[in-house]
């Protein structure tokens, strides 16, 4: 069983697209939920709502995997990447706006949840 993080977004399709652009694999999309899988770390379960992140129930880990490493740090989702320079290009390719914040990038998902991208 794997730890699950529940993230609330107003639109599951937009939320799933956002997190796929960050390197997670969409494993399951059913009415009311989308399950995304990182290469390492907790599973990400999207549900409709006005924003927020909480720990969810443990779930069996699917066989498919994305390539991003995901963590929950200080109430924010944190993606660990090999190169911020590469991530800047990838985020620009997908049209995702971000802010430079010292040694990391800060962006917000469609639910307004803060997301940090940093080398690690």
PDB file of N, CA and C in Angstrom:
ATOM      1  N   UNK A   1       0.844  -1.182   0.000  1.00  0.00           N
ATOM      2  CA  UNK A   1       0.000   0.000   0.000  1.00  0.00           C
ATOM      3  C   UNK A   1       0.888   1.244   0.000  1.00  0.00           C
ATOM      4  N   UNK A   2       0.471   2.255  -0.732  1.00  0.00           N
ATOM      5  CA  UNK A   2       1.222   3.503  -0.828  1.00  0.00           C
ATOM      6  C   UNK A   2       0.447   4.652  -0.216  1.00  0.00           C
ATOM      7  N   UNK A   3       1.206   5.588   0.349  1.00  0.00           N
ATOM      8  CA  UNK A   3       0.581   6.798   0.871  1.00  0.00           C
ATOM      9  C   UNK A   3      -0.075   7.550  -0.281  1.00  0.00           C
ATOM     10  N   UNK A   4      -1.188   8.183   0.003  1.00  0.00           N
ATOM     11  CA  UNK A   4      -1.910   8.950  -1.002  1.00  0.00           C
ATOM     12  C   UNK A   4      -2.088  10.376  -0.510  1.00  0.00           C
ATOM     13  N   UNK A   5      -1.851  11.326  -1.379  1.00  0.00           N
ATOM     14  CA  UNK A   5      -2.150  12.724  -1.101  1.00  0.00           C
ATOM     15  C   UNK A   5      -3.383  13.098  -1.900  1.00  0.00           C
ATOM     16  N   UNK A   6      -4.333  13.740  -1.263  1.00  0.00           N
ATOM     17  CA  UNK A   6      -5.550  14.184  -1.926  1.00  0.00           C
ATOM     18  C   UNK A   6      -5.410  15.681  -2.188  1.00  0.00           C
ATOM     19  N   UNK A   7      -5.593  16.067  -3.434  1.00  0.00           N
ATOM     20  CA  UNK A   7      -5.509  17.477  -3.835  1.00  0.00           C
ATOM     21  C   UNK A   7      -6.844  17.839  -4.468  1.00  0.00           C
ATOM     22  N   UNK A   8      -7.405  18.942  -4.018  1.00  0.00           N
ATOM     23  CA  UNK A   8      -8.705  19.397  -4.525  1.00  0.00           C
ATOM     24  C   UNK A   8      -8.493  20.441  -5.606  1.00  0.00           C
ATOM     25  N   UNK A   9      -9.131  20.223  -6.739  1.00  0.00           N
ATOM     26  CA  UNK A   9      -9.074  21.142  -7.876  1.00  0.00           C
ATOM     27  C   UNK A   9     -10.500  21.300  -8.409  1.00  0.00           C
ATOM     28  N   UNK A  10     -10.839  22.479  -8.950  1.00  0.00           N
ATOM     29  CA  UNK A  10     -12.206  22.680  -9.421  1.00  0.00           C
ATOM     30  C   UNK A  10     -12.561  21.839 -10.646  1.00  0.00           C
ATOM     31  N   UNK A  11     -11.573  21.513 -11.473  1.00  0.00           N
ATOM     32  CA  UNK A  11     -11.822  20.773 -12.705  1.00  0.00           C
ATOM     33  C   UNK A  11     -10.806  19.636 -12.792  1.00  0.00           C
ATOM     34  N   UNK A  12     -11.296  18.399 -12.784  1.00  0.00           N
ATOM     35  CA  UNK A  12     -10.388  17.245 -12.801  1.00  0.00           C
ATOM     36  C   UNK A  12      -9.536  17.186 -14.066  1.00  0.00           C
ATOM     37  N   UNK A  13     -10.124  17.523 -15.207  1.00  0.00           N
ATOM     38  CA  UNK A  13      -9.368  17.492 -16.456  1.00  0.00           C
ATOM     39  C   UNK A  13      -8.208  18.464 -16.441  1.00  0.00           C
ATOM     40  N   UNK A  14      -8.458  19.696 -16.001  1.00  0.00           N
ATOM     41  CA  UNK A  14      -7.387  20.690 -15.915  1.00  0.00           C
ATOM     42  C   UNK A  14      -6.339  20.280 -14.889  1.00  0.00           C
ATOM     43  N   UNK A  15      -6.814  19.766 -13.753  1.00  0.00           N
ATOM     44  CA  UNK A  15      -5.878  19.326 -12.718  1.00  0.00           C
ATOM     45  C   UNK A  15      -4.999  18.183 -13.193  1.00  0.00           C
ATOM     46  N   UNK A  16      -5.609  17.198 -13.851  1.00  0.00           N
ATOM     47  CA  UNK A  16      -4.840  16.067 -14.361  1.00  0.00           C
ATOM     48  C   UNK A  16      -3.821  16.530 -15.399  1.00  0.00           C
ATOM     49  N   UNK A  17      -4.212  17.421 -16.289  1.00  0.00           N
ATOM     50  CA  UNK A  17      -3.281  17.939 -17.302  1.00  0.00           C
ATOM     51  C   UNK A  17      -2.118  18.678 -16.656  1.00  0.00           C
ATOM     52  N   UNK A  18      -2.410  19.476 -15.635  1.00  0.00           N
ATOM     53  CA  UNK A  18      -1.380  20.225 -14.924  1.00  0.00           C
ATOM     54  C   UNK A  18      -0.341  19.268 -14.325  1.00  0.00           C
ATOM     55  N   UNK A  19      -0.801  18.259 -13.603  1.00  0.00           N
ATOM     56  CA  UNK A  19       0.129  17.354 -12.939  1.00  0.00           C
ATOM     57  C   UNK A  19       0.820  16.405 -13.917  1.00  0.00           C
ATOM     58  N   UNK A  20       0.190  16.111 -15.045  1.00  0.00           N
ATOM     59  CA  UNK A  20       0.884  15.349 -16.086  1.00  0.00           C
ATOM     60  C   UNK A  20       2.030  16.177 -16.662  1.00  0.00           C
ATOM     61  N   UNK A  21       1.812  17.479 -16.819  1.00  0.00           N
ATOM     62  CA  UNK A  21       2.878  18.354 -17.322  1.00  0.00           C
ATOM     63  C   UNK A  21       4.062  18.392 -16.354  1.00  0.00           C
ATOM     64  N   UNK A  22       3.802  18.132 -15.066  1.00  0.00           N
ATOM     65  CA  UNK A  22       4.878  18.092 -14.079  1.00  0.00           C
ATOM     66  C   UNK A  22       5.534  16.712 -13.987  1.00  0.00           C
ATOM     67  N   UNK A  23       5.086  15.769 -14.778  1.00  0.00           N
ATOM     68  CA  UNK A  23       5.758  14.483 -14.854  1.00  0.00           C
ATOM     69  C   UNK A  23       5.067  13.316 -14.203  1.00  0.00           C
ATOM     70  N   UNK A  24       3.821  13.472 -13.782  1.00  0.00           N
ATOM     71  CA  UNK A  24       3.093  12.338 -13.213  1.00  0.00           C
ATOM     72  C   UNK A  24       2.332  11.612 -14.322  1.00  0.00           C
ATOM     73  N   UNK A  25       2.139  10.332 -14.138  1.00  0.00           N
ATOM     74  CA  UNK A  25       1.385   9.533 -15.102  1.00  0.00           C
ATOM     75  C   UNK A  25      -0.054   9.411 -14.625  1.00  0.00           C
ATOM     76  N   UNK A  26      -1.003   9.670 -15.514  1.00  0.00           N
ATOM     77  CA  UNK A  26      -2.417   9.489 -15.188  1.00  0.00           C
ATOM     78  C   UNK A  26      -2.714   8.000 -15.243  1.00  0.00           C
ATOM     79  N   UNK A  27      -3.051   7.438 -14.090  1.00  0.00           N
ATOM     80  CA  UNK A  27      -3.313   6.010 -13.998  1.00  0.00           C
ATOM     81  C   UNK A  27      -4.796   5.703 -14.121  1.00  0.00           C
ATOM     82  N   UNK A  28      -5.637   6.571 -13.559  1.00  0.00           N
ATOM     83  CA  UNK A  28      -7.062   6.280 -13.510  1.00  0.00           C
ATOM     84  C   UNK A  28      -7.842   7.591 -13.498  1.00  0.00           C
ATOM     85  N   UNK A  29      -8.858   7.687 -14.332  1.00  0.00           N
ATOM     86  CA  UNK A  29      -9.742   8.845 -14.351  1.00  0.00           C
ATOM     87  C   UNK A  29     -11.169   8.318 -14.335  1.00  0.00           C
ATOM     88  N   UNK A  30     -11.836   8.530 -13.211  1.00  0.00           N
ATOM     89  CA  UNK A  30     -13.220   8.085 -13.059  1.00  0.00           C
ATOM     90  C   UNK A  30     -14.026   9.293 -12.602  1.00  0.00           C
ATOM     91  N   UNK A  31     -15.343   9.267 -12.731  1.00  0.00           N
ATOM     92  CA  UNK A  31     -16.123  10.416 -12.269  1.00  0.00           C
ATOM     93  C   UNK A  31     -15.810  10.744 -10.806  1.00  0.00           C
ATOM     94  N   UNK A  32     -15.343  11.950 -10.591  1.00  0.00           N
ATOM     95  CA  UNK A  32     -15.063  12.415  -9.237  1.00  0.00           C
ATOM     96  C   UNK A  32     -13.652  12.197  -8.734  1.00  0.00           C
ATOM     97  N   UNK A  33     -12.794  11.503  -9.497  1.00  0.00           N
ATOM     98  CA  UNK A  33     -11.420  11.254  -9.053  1.00  0.00           C
ATOM     99  C   UNK A  33     -10.480  11.049 -10.225  1.00  0.00           C
ATOM    100  N   UNK A  34      -9.242  11.469 -10.008  1.00  0.00           N
ATOM    101  CA  UNK A  34      -8.166  11.165 -10.950  1.00  0.00           C
ATOM    102  C   UNK A  34      -6.964  10.741 -10.126  1.00  0.00           C
ATOM    103  N   UNK A  35      -6.377   9.594 -10.433  1.00  0.00           N
ATOM    104  CA  UNK A  35      -5.215   9.088  -9.708  1.00  0.00           C
ATOM    105  C   UNK A  35      -3.992   9.261 -10.589  1.00  0.00           C
ATOM    106  N   UNK A  36      -2.986   9.967 -10.052  1.00  0.00           N
ATOM    107  CA  UNK A  36      -1.740  10.184 -10.782  1.00  0.00           C
ATOM    108  C   UNK A  36      -0.594   9.556 -10.005  1.00  0.00           C
ATOM    109  N   UNK A  37       0.375   9.030 -10.747  1.00  0.00           N
ATOM    110  CA  UNK A  37       1.451   8.253 -10.146  1.00  0.00           C
ATOM    111  C   UNK A  37       2.794   8.888 -10.463  1.00  0.00           C
ATOM    112  N   UNK A  38       3.594   9.215  -9.434  1.00  0.00           N
ATOM    113  CA  UNK A  38       4.951   9.700  -9.660  1.00  0.00           C
ATOM    114  C   UNK A  38       5.919   8.525  -9.755  1.00  0.00           C
ATOM    115  N   UNK A  39       7.131   8.807 -10.191  1.00  0.00           N
ATOM    116  CA  UNK A  39       8.155   7.770 -10.192  1.00  0.00           C
ATOM    117  C   UNK A  39       8.509   7.349  -8.781  1.00  0.00           C
ATOM    118  N   UNK A  40       8.389   8.267  -7.831  1.00  0.00           N
ATOM    119  CA  UNK A  40       8.745   7.990  -6.441  1.00  0.00           C
ATOM    120  C   UNK A  40       7.907   8.888  -5.545  1.00  0.00           C
ATOM    121  N   UNK A  41       7.502   8.382  -4.408  1.00  0.00           N
ATOM    122  CA  UNK A  41       6.739   9.187  -3.462  1.00  0.00           C
ATOM    123  C   UNK A  41       5.283   8.790  -3.427  1.00  0.00           C
ATOM    124  N   UNK A  42       4.459   9.596  -2.767  1.00  0.00           N
ATOM    125  CA  UNK A  42       3.042   9.249  -2.613  1.00  0.00           C
ATOM    126  C   UNK A  42       2.269   9.359  -3.920  1.00  0.00           C
ATOM    127  N   UNK A  43       1.168   8.635  -3.991  1.00  0.00           N
ATOM    128  CA  UNK A  43       0.244   8.753  -5.114  1.00  0.00           C
ATOM    129  C   UNK A  43      -0.509  10.068  -4.967  1.00  0.00           C
ATOM    130  N   UNK A  44      -0.983  10.627  -6.065  1.00  0.00           N
ATOM    131  CA  UNK A  44      -1.722  11.879  -6.035  1.00  0.00           C
ATOM    132  C   UNK A  44      -3.137  11.622  -6.520  1.00  0.00           C
ATOM    133  N   UNK A  45      -4.103  11.869  -5.656  1.00  0.00           N
ATOM    134  CA  UNK A  45      -5.503  11.669  -5.970  1.00  0.00           C
ATOM    135  C   UNK A  45      -6.177  13.027  -6.078  1.00  0.00           C
ATOM    136  N   UNK A  46      -6.690  13.365  -7.251  1.00  0.00           N
ATOM    137  CA  UNK A  46      -7.382  14.633  -7.457  1.00  0.00           C
ATOM    138  C   UNK A  46      -8.874  14.426  -7.245  1.00  0.00           C
ATOM    139  N   UNK A  47      -9.472  15.386  -6.557  1.00  0.00           N
ATOM    140  CA  UNK A  47     -10.924  15.379  -6.358  1.00  0.00           C
ATOM    141  C   UNK A  47     -11.448  16.784  -6.584  1.00  0.00           C
ATOM    142  N   UNK A  48     -12.697  16.915  -7.041  1.00  0.00           N
ATOM    143  CA  UNK A  48     -13.266  18.247  -7.223  1.00  0.00           C
ATOM    144  C   UNK A  48     -13.346  18.987  -5.885  1.00  0.00           C
ATOM    145  N   UNK A  49     -13.092  20.280  -5.932  1.00  0.00           N
ATOM    146  CA  UNK A  49     -13.173  21.097  -4.727  1.00  0.00           C
ATOM    147  C   UNK A  49     -12.517  22.438  -4.940  1.00  0.00           C
ATOM    148  N   UNK A  50     -12.485  23.235  -3.892  1.00  0.00           N
ATOM    149  CA  UNK A  50     -12.000  24.610  -3.998  1.00  0.00           C
ATOM    150  C   UNK A  50     -10.527  24.759  -3.662  1.00  0.00           C
ATOM    151  N   UNK A  51      -9.786  23.712  -3.582  1.00  0.00           N
ATOM    152  CA  UNK A  51      -8.363  23.795  -3.296  1.00  0.00           C
ATOM    153  C   UNK A  51      -8.050  23.234  -1.932  1.00  0.00           C
ATOM    154  N   UNK A  52      -6.855  22.716  -1.800  1.00  0.00           N
ATOM    155  CA  UNK A  52      -6.411  22.135  -0.547  1.00  0.00           C
ATOM    156  C   UNK A  52      -5.689  20.829  -0.775  1.00  0.00           C
ATOM    157  N   UNK A  53      -4.850  20.468   0.192  1.00  0.00           N
ATOM    158  CA  UNK A  53      -4.083  19.230   0.137  1.00  0.00           C
ATOM    159  C   UNK A  53      -4.219  18.545   1.494  1.00  0.00           C
ATOM    160  N   UNK A  54      -4.442  17.248   1.474  1.00  0.00           N
ATOM    161  CA  UNK A  54      -4.505  16.491   2.726  1.00  0.00           C
ATOM    162  C   UNK A  54      -4.007  15.078   2.465  1.00  0.00           C
ATOM    163  N   UNK A  55      -3.680  14.398   3.522  1.00  0.00           N
ATOM    164  CA  UNK A  55      -3.285  12.993   3.380  1.00  0.00           C
ATOM    165  C   UNK A  55      -4.537  12.165   3.172  1.00  0.00           C
ATOM    166  N   UNK A  56      -4.439  11.172   2.320  1.00  0.00           N
ATOM    167  CA  UNK A  56      -5.584  10.332   2.015  1.00  0.00           C
ATOM    168  C   UNK A  56      -5.337   8.897   2.416  1.00  0.00           C
ATOM    169  N   UNK A  57      -6.257   8.027   2.071  1.00  0.00           N
ATOM    170  CA  UNK A  57      -6.123   6.617   2.434  1.00  0.00           C
ATOM    171  C   UNK A  57      -5.015   5.951   1.621  1.00  0.00           C
ATOM    172  N   UNK A  58      -4.425   4.924   2.205  1.00  0.00           N
ATOM    173  CA  UNK A  58      -3.423   4.148   1.467  1.00  0.00           C
ATOM    174  C   UNK A  58      -4.122   3.405   0.339  1.00  0.00           C
ATOM    175  N   UNK A  59      -3.423   3.277  -0.769  1.00  0.00           N
ATOM    176  CA  UNK A  59      -3.972   2.576  -1.930  1.00  0.00           C
ATOM    177  C   UNK A  59      -2.891   1.673  -2.505  1.00  0.00           C
ATOM    178  N   UNK A  60      -3.276   0.610  -3.177  1.00  0.00           N
ATOM    179  CA  UNK A  60      -2.266  -0.205  -3.859  1.00  0.00           C
ATOM    180  C   UNK A  60      -1.576   0.641  -4.928  1.00  0.00           C
ATOM    181  N   UNK A  61      -0.282   0.485  -5.053  1.00  0.00           N
ATOM    182  CA  UNK A  61       0.466   1.253  -6.051  1.00  0.00           C
ATOM    183  C   UNK A  61       0.257   0.627  -7.429  1.00  0.00           C
ATOM    184  N   UNK A  62      -0.200   1.422  -8.407  1.00  0.00           N
ATOM    185  CA  UNK A  62      -0.356   0.893  -9.765  1.00  0.00           C
ATOM    186  C   UNK A  62       0.994   0.542 -10.382  1.00  0.00           C
ATOM    187  N   UNK A  63       0.957  -0.234 -11.438  1.00  0.00           N
ATOM    188  CA  UNK A  63       2.203  -0.619 -12.100  1.00  0.00           C
ATOM    189  C   UNK A  63       2.811   0.525 -12.896  1.00  0.00           C
ATOM    190  N   UNK A  64       1.991   1.376 -13.499  1.00  0.00           N
ATOM    191  CA  UNK A  64       2.501   2.484 -14.290  1.00  0.00           C
ATOM    192  C   UNK A  64       3.137   3.537 -13.406  1.00  0.00           C
ATOM    193  N   UNK A  65       4.101   4.273 -13.951  1.00  0.00           N
ATOM    194  CA  UNK A  65       4.746   5.337 -13.176  1.00  0.00           C
ATOM    195  C   UNK A  65       5.122   6.496 -14.080  1.00  0.00           C
ATOM    196  N   UNK A  66       5.015   7.704 -13.523  1.00  0.00           N
ATOM    197  CA  UNK A  66       5.557   8.885 -14.174  1.00  0.00           C
ATOM    198  C   UNK A  66       7.034   8.974 -13.853  1.00  0.00           C
ATOM    199  N   UNK A  67       7.638  10.141 -14.083  1.00  0.00           N
ATOM    200  CA  UNK A  67       9.069  10.267 -13.815  1.00  0.00           C
ATOM    201  C   UNK A  67       9.381  11.253 -12.711  1.00  0.00           C
ATOM    202  N   UNK A  68       8.426  12.042 -12.242  1.00  0.00           N
ATOM    203  CA  UNK A  68       8.704  13.032 -11.204  1.00  0.00           C
ATOM    204  C   UNK A  68       8.715  12.386  -9.830  1.00  0.00           C
ATOM    205  N   UNK A  69       9.539  12.931  -8.943  1.00  0.00           N
ATOM    206  CA  UNK A  69       9.529  12.516  -7.545  1.00  0.00           C
ATOM    207  C   UNK A  69       8.691  13.535  -6.783  1.00  0.00           C
ATOM    208  N   UNK A  70       7.770  13.063  -6.001  1.00  0.00           N
ATOM    209  CA  UNK A  70       6.800  13.920  -5.325  1.00  0.00           C
ATOM    210  C   UNK A  70       6.948  13.799  -3.820  1.00  0.00           C
ATOM    211  N   UNK A  71       6.847  14.932  -3.120  1.00  0.00           N
ATOM    212  CA  UNK A  71       6.901  14.974  -1.657  1.00  0.00           C
ATOM    213  C   UNK A  71       5.858  15.966  -1.165  1.00  0.00           C
ATOM    214  N   UNK A  72       5.480  15.825   0.096  1.00  0.00           N
ATOM    215  CA  UNK A  72       4.671  16.828   0.780  1.00  0.00           C
ATOM    216  C   UNK A  72       5.588  17.479   1.798  1.00  0.00           C
ATOM    217  N   UNK A  73       5.833  18.776   1.628  1.00  0.00           N
ATOM    218  CA  UNK A  73       6.746  19.507   2.510  1.00  0.00           C
ATOM    219  C   UNK A  73       6.054  20.770   2.987  1.00  0.00           C
ATOM    220  N   UNK A  74       5.898  20.886   4.299  1.00  0.00           N
ATOM    221  CA  UNK A  74       5.284  22.067   4.905  1.00  0.00           C
ATOM    222  C   UNK A  74       3.932  22.392   4.282  1.00  0.00           C
ATOM    223  N   UNK A  75       3.128  21.366   4.027  1.00  0.00           N
ATOM    224  CA  UNK A  75       1.796  21.553   3.493  1.00  0.00           C
ATOM    225  C   UNK A  75       1.735  21.865   2.014  1.00  0.00           C
ATOM    226  N   UNK A  76       2.886  21.826   1.334  1.00  0.00           N
ATOM    227  CA  UNK A  76       2.921  22.088  -0.108  1.00  0.00           C
ATOM    228  C   UNK A  76       3.436  20.868  -0.844  1.00  0.00           C
ATOM    229  N   UNK A  77       2.959  20.688  -2.052  1.00  0.00           N
ATOM    230  CA  UNK A  77       3.509  19.642  -2.901  1.00  0.00           C
ATOM    231  C   UNK A  77       4.857  20.109  -3.406  1.00  0.00           C
ATOM    232  N   UNK A  78       5.824  19.222  -3.395  1.00  0.00           N
ATOM    233  CA  UNK A  78       7.160  19.541  -3.851  1.00  0.00           C
ATOM    234  C   UNK A  78       7.606  18.480  -4.844  1.00  0.00           C
ATOM    235  N   UNK A  79       8.007  18.919  -6.037  1.00  0.00           N
ATOM    236  CA  UNK A  79       8.516  18.027  -7.063  1.00  0.00           C
ATOM    237  C   UNK A  79      10.024  18.154  -7.099  1.00  0.00           C
ATOM    238  N   UNK A  80      10.714  17.026  -6.991  1.00  0.00           N
ATOM    239  CA  UNK A  80      12.168  17.003  -7.029  1.00  0.00           C
ATOM    240  C   UNK A  80      12.603  16.618  -8.433  1.00  0.00           C
ATOM    241  N   UNK A  81      13.421  17.471  -9.039  1.00  0.00           N
ATOM    242  CA  UNK A  81      13.846  17.259 -10.418  1.00  0.00           C
ATOM    243  C   UNK A  81      15.366  17.285 -10.493  1.00  0.00           C
ATOM    244  N   UNK A  82      15.898  16.793 -11.593  1.00  0.00           N
ATOM    245  CA  UNK A  82      17.351  16.784 -11.764  1.00  0.00           C
ATOM    246  C   UNK A  82      17.889  18.134 -12.188  1.00  0.00           C
ATOM    247  N   UNK A  83      17.119  18.900 -12.966  1.00  0.00           N
ATOM    248  CA  UNK A  83      17.625  20.162 -13.502  1.00  0.00           C
ATOM    249  C   UNK A  83      16.512  21.209 -13.570  1.00  0.00           C
ATOM    250  N   UNK A  84      16.694  22.311 -12.858  1.00  0.00           N
ATOM    251  CA  UNK A  84      15.707  23.402 -12.946  1.00  0.00           C
ATOM    252  C   UNK A  84      15.704  24.034 -14.332  1.00  0.00           C
ATOM    253  N   UNK A  85      16.862  24.090 -14.973  1.00  0.00           N
ATOM    254  CA  UNK A  85      16.923  24.667 -16.320  1.00  0.00           C
ATOM    255  C   UNK A  85      16.028  23.866 -17.269  1.00  0.00           C
ATOM    256  N   UNK A  86      16.097  22.553 -17.172  1.00  0.00           N
ATOM    257  CA  UNK A  86      15.250  21.691 -18.014  1.00  0.00           C
ATOM    258  C   UNK A  86      13.779  21.898 -17.669  1.00  0.00           C
ATOM    259  N   UNK A  87      13.460  22.026 -16.381  1.00  0.00           N
ATOM    260  CA  UNK A  87      12.064  22.204 -15.967  1.00  0.00           C
ATOM    261  C   UNK A  87      11.505  23.536 -16.452  1.00  0.00           C
ATOM    262  N   UNK A  88      12.312  24.582 -16.448  1.00  0.00           N
ATOM    263  CA  UNK A  88      11.847  25.883 -16.978  1.00  0.00           C
ATOM    264  C   UNK A  88      11.396  25.728 -18.429  1.00  0.00           C
ATOM    265  N   UNK A  89      12.185  25.017 -19.209  1.00  0.00           N
ATOM    266  CA  UNK A  89      11.836  24.800 -20.620  1.00  0.00           C
ATOM    267  C   UNK A  89      10.561  23.971 -20.749  1.00  0.00           C
ATOM    268  N   UNK A  90      10.456  22.931 -19.934  1.00  0.00           N
ATOM    269  CA  UNK A  90       9.277  22.064 -20.004  1.00  0.00           C
ATOM    270  C   UNK A  90       8.021  22.803 -19.570  1.00  0.00           C
ATOM    271  N   UNK A  91       8.115  23.581 -18.500  1.00  0.00           N
ATOM    272  CA  UNK A  91       6.958  24.342 -18.045  1.00  0.00           C
ATOM    273  C   UNK A  91       6.526  25.357 -19.095  1.00  0.00           C
ATOM    274  N   UNK A  92       7.489  25.996 -19.730  1.00  0.00           N
ATOM    275  CA  UNK A  92       7.172  26.950 -20.802  1.00  0.00           C
ATOM    276  C   UNK A  92       6.497  26.228 -21.974  1.00  0.00           C
ATOM    277  N   UNK A  93       6.979  25.040 -22.303  1.00  0.00           N
ATOM    278  CA  UNK A  93       6.389  24.249 -23.392  1.00  0.00           C
ATOM    279  C   UNK A  93       4.910  23.982 -23.131  1.00  0.00           C
ATOM    280  N   UNK A  94       4.548  23.707 -21.889  1.00  0.00           N
ATOM    281  CA  UNK A  94       3.156  23.431 -21.536  1.00  0.00           C
ATOM    282  C   UNK A  94       2.372  24.683 -21.164  1.00  0.00           C
ATOM    283  N   UNK A  95       3.023  25.844 -21.219  1.00  0.00           N
ATOM    284  CA  UNK A  95       2.337  27.093 -20.927  1.00  0.00           C
ATOM    285  C   UNK A  95       2.012  27.291 -19.453  1.00  0.00           C
ATOM    286  N   UNK A  96       2.774  26.658 -18.567  1.00  0.00           N
ATOM    287  CA  UNK A  96       2.537  26.807 -17.132  1.00  0.00           C
ATOM    288  C   UNK A  96       3.356  27.965 -16.578  1.00  0.00           C
ATOM    289  N   UNK A  97       2.660  28.918 -15.991  1.00  0.00           N
ATOM    290  CA  UNK A  97       3.335  30.082 -15.411  1.00  0.00           C
ATOM    291  C   UNK A  97       3.963  29.696 -14.080  1.00  0.00           C
ATOM    292  N   UNK A  98       5.137  30.229 -13.819  1.00  0.00           N
ATOM    293  CA  UNK A  98       5.835  29.978 -12.560  1.00  0.00           C
ATOM    294  C   UNK A  98       6.593  31.226 -12.146  1.00  0.00           C
ATOM    295  N   UNK A  99       6.994  31.245 -10.890  1.00  0.00           N
ATOM    296  CA  UNK A  99       7.820  32.329 -10.363  1.00  0.00           C
ATOM    297  C   UNK A  99       9.152  31.752  -9.920  1.00  0.00           C
ATOM    298  N   UNK A 100      10.198  32.495 -10.194  1.00  0.00           N
ATOM    299  CA  UNK A 100      11.515  32.137  -9.667  1.00  0.00           C
ATOM    300  C   UNK A 100      11.511  32.486  -8.190  1.00  0.00           C
ATOM    301  N   UNK A 101      11.913  31.559  -7.347  1.00  0.00           N
ATOM    302  CA  UNK A 101      11.910  31.802  -5.898  1.00  0.00           C
ATOM    303  C   UNK A 101      13.205  31.267  -5.303  1.00  0.00           C
ATOM    304  N   UNK A 102      14.300  31.927  -5.619  1.00  0.00           N
ATOM    305  CA  UNK A 102      15.593  31.485  -5.115  1.00  0.00           C
ATOM    306  C   UNK A 102      16.028  30.191  -5.771  1.00  0.00           C
ATOM    307  N   UNK A 103      16.139  29.134  -4.983  1.00  0.00           N
ATOM    308  CA  UNK A 103      16.622  27.859  -5.495  1.00  0.00           C
ATOM    309  C   UNK A 103      15.503  26.938  -5.966  1.00  0.00           C
ATOM    310  N   UNK A 104      14.315  27.494  -6.164  1.00  0.00           N
ATOM    311  CA  UNK A 104      13.199  26.671  -6.640  1.00  0.00           C
ATOM    312  C   UNK A 104      12.232  27.507  -7.474  1.00  0.00           C
ATOM    313  N   UNK A 105      11.300  26.819  -8.114  1.00  0.00           N
ATOM    314  CA  UNK A 105      10.241  27.454  -8.889  1.00  0.00           C
ATOM    315  C   UNK A 105       8.940  27.284  -8.127  1.00  0.00           C
ATOM    316  N   UNK A 106       8.096  28.284  -8.150  1.00  0.00           N
ATOM    317  CA  UNK A 106       6.807  28.227  -7.477  1.00  0.00           C
ATOM    318  C   UNK A 106       5.715  28.407  -8.517  1.00  0.00           C
ATOM    319  N   UNK A 107       4.756  27.504  -8.513  1.00  0.00           N
ATOM    320  CA  UNK A 107       3.609  27.649  -9.390  1.00  0.00           C
ATOM    321  C   UNK A 107       2.367  27.197  -8.632  1.00  0.00           C
ATOM    322  N   UNK A 108       1.218  27.422  -9.216  1.00  0.00           N
ATOM    323  CA  UNK A 108      -0.051  27.097  -8.567  1.00  0.00           C
ATOM    324  C   UNK A 108      -0.875  26.227  -9.498  1.00  0.00           C
ATOM    325  N   UNK A 109      -1.446  25.171  -8.929  1.00  0.00           N
ATOM    326  CA  UNK A 109      -2.279  24.278  -9.730  1.00  0.00           C
ATOM    327  C   UNK A 109      -3.643  24.936  -9.973  1.00  0.00           C
ATOM    328  N   UNK A 110      -4.518  24.330 -10.776  1.00  0.00           N
ATOM    329  CA  UNK A 110      -5.818  24.931 -11.075  1.00  0.00           C
ATOM    330  C   UNK A 110      -6.710  25.166  -9.853  1.00  0.00           C
ATOM    331  N   UNK A 111      -6.407  24.528  -8.722  1.00  0.00           N
ATOM    332  CA  UNK A 111      -7.152  24.762  -7.478  1.00  0.00           C
ATOM    333  C   UNK A 111      -6.527  25.831  -6.608  1.00  0.00           C
ATOM    334  N   UNK A 112      -5.436  26.457  -7.090  1.00  0.00           N
ATOM    335  CA  UNK A 112      -4.745  27.477  -6.317  1.00  0.00           C
ATOM    336  C   UNK A 112      -3.768  26.917  -5.293  1.00  0.00           C
ATOM    337  N   UNK A 113      -3.504  25.614  -5.340  1.00  0.00           N
ATOM    338  CA  UNK A 113      -2.576  24.997  -4.413  1.00  0.00           C
ATOM    339  C   UNK A 113      -1.135  25.307  -4.822  1.00  0.00           C
ATOM    340  N   UNK A 114      -0.277  25.740  -3.888  1.00  0.00           N
ATOM    341  CA  UNK A 114       1.104  26.024  -4.234  1.00  0.00           C
ATOM    342  C   UNK A 114       1.884  24.743  -4.513  1.00  0.00           C
ATOM    343  N   UNK A 115       2.710  24.792  -5.528  1.00  0.00           N
ATOM    344  CA  UNK A 115       3.533  23.670  -5.930  1.00  0.00           C
ATOM    345  C   UNK A 115       4.959  24.173  -6.102  1.00  0.00           C
ATOM    346  N   UNK A 116       5.907  23.504  -5.464  1.00  0.00           N
ATOM    347  CA  UNK A 116       7.315  23.872  -5.547  1.00  0.00           C
ATOM    348  C   UNK A 116       8.026  22.858  -6.439  1.00  0.00           C
ATOM    349  N   UNK A 117       8.876  23.354  -7.331  1.00  0.00           N
ATOM    350  CA  UNK A 117       9.725  22.503  -8.146  1.00  0.00           C
ATOM    351  C   UNK A 117      11.157  22.867  -7.790  1.00  0.00           C
ATOM    352  N   UNK A 118      11.934  21.877  -7.329  1.00  0.00           N
ATOM    353  CA  UNK A 118      13.312  22.142  -6.940  1.00  0.00           C
ATOM    354  C   UNK A 118      14.202  20.960  -7.282  1.00  0.00           C
ATOM    355  N   UNK A 119      15.484  21.229  -7.347  1.00  0.00           N
ATOM    356  CA  UNK A 119      16.434  20.144  -7.596  1.00  0.00           C
ATOM    357  C   UNK A 119      16.575  19.315  -6.339  1.00  0.00           C
ATOM    358  N   UNK A 120      16.699  18.031  -6.533  1.00  0.00           N
ATOM    359  CA  UNK A 120      16.854  17.177  -5.346  1.00  0.00           C
ATOM    360  C   UNK A 120      17.126  15.745  -5.656  1.00  0.00           C
TER     361      UNK A 120
END
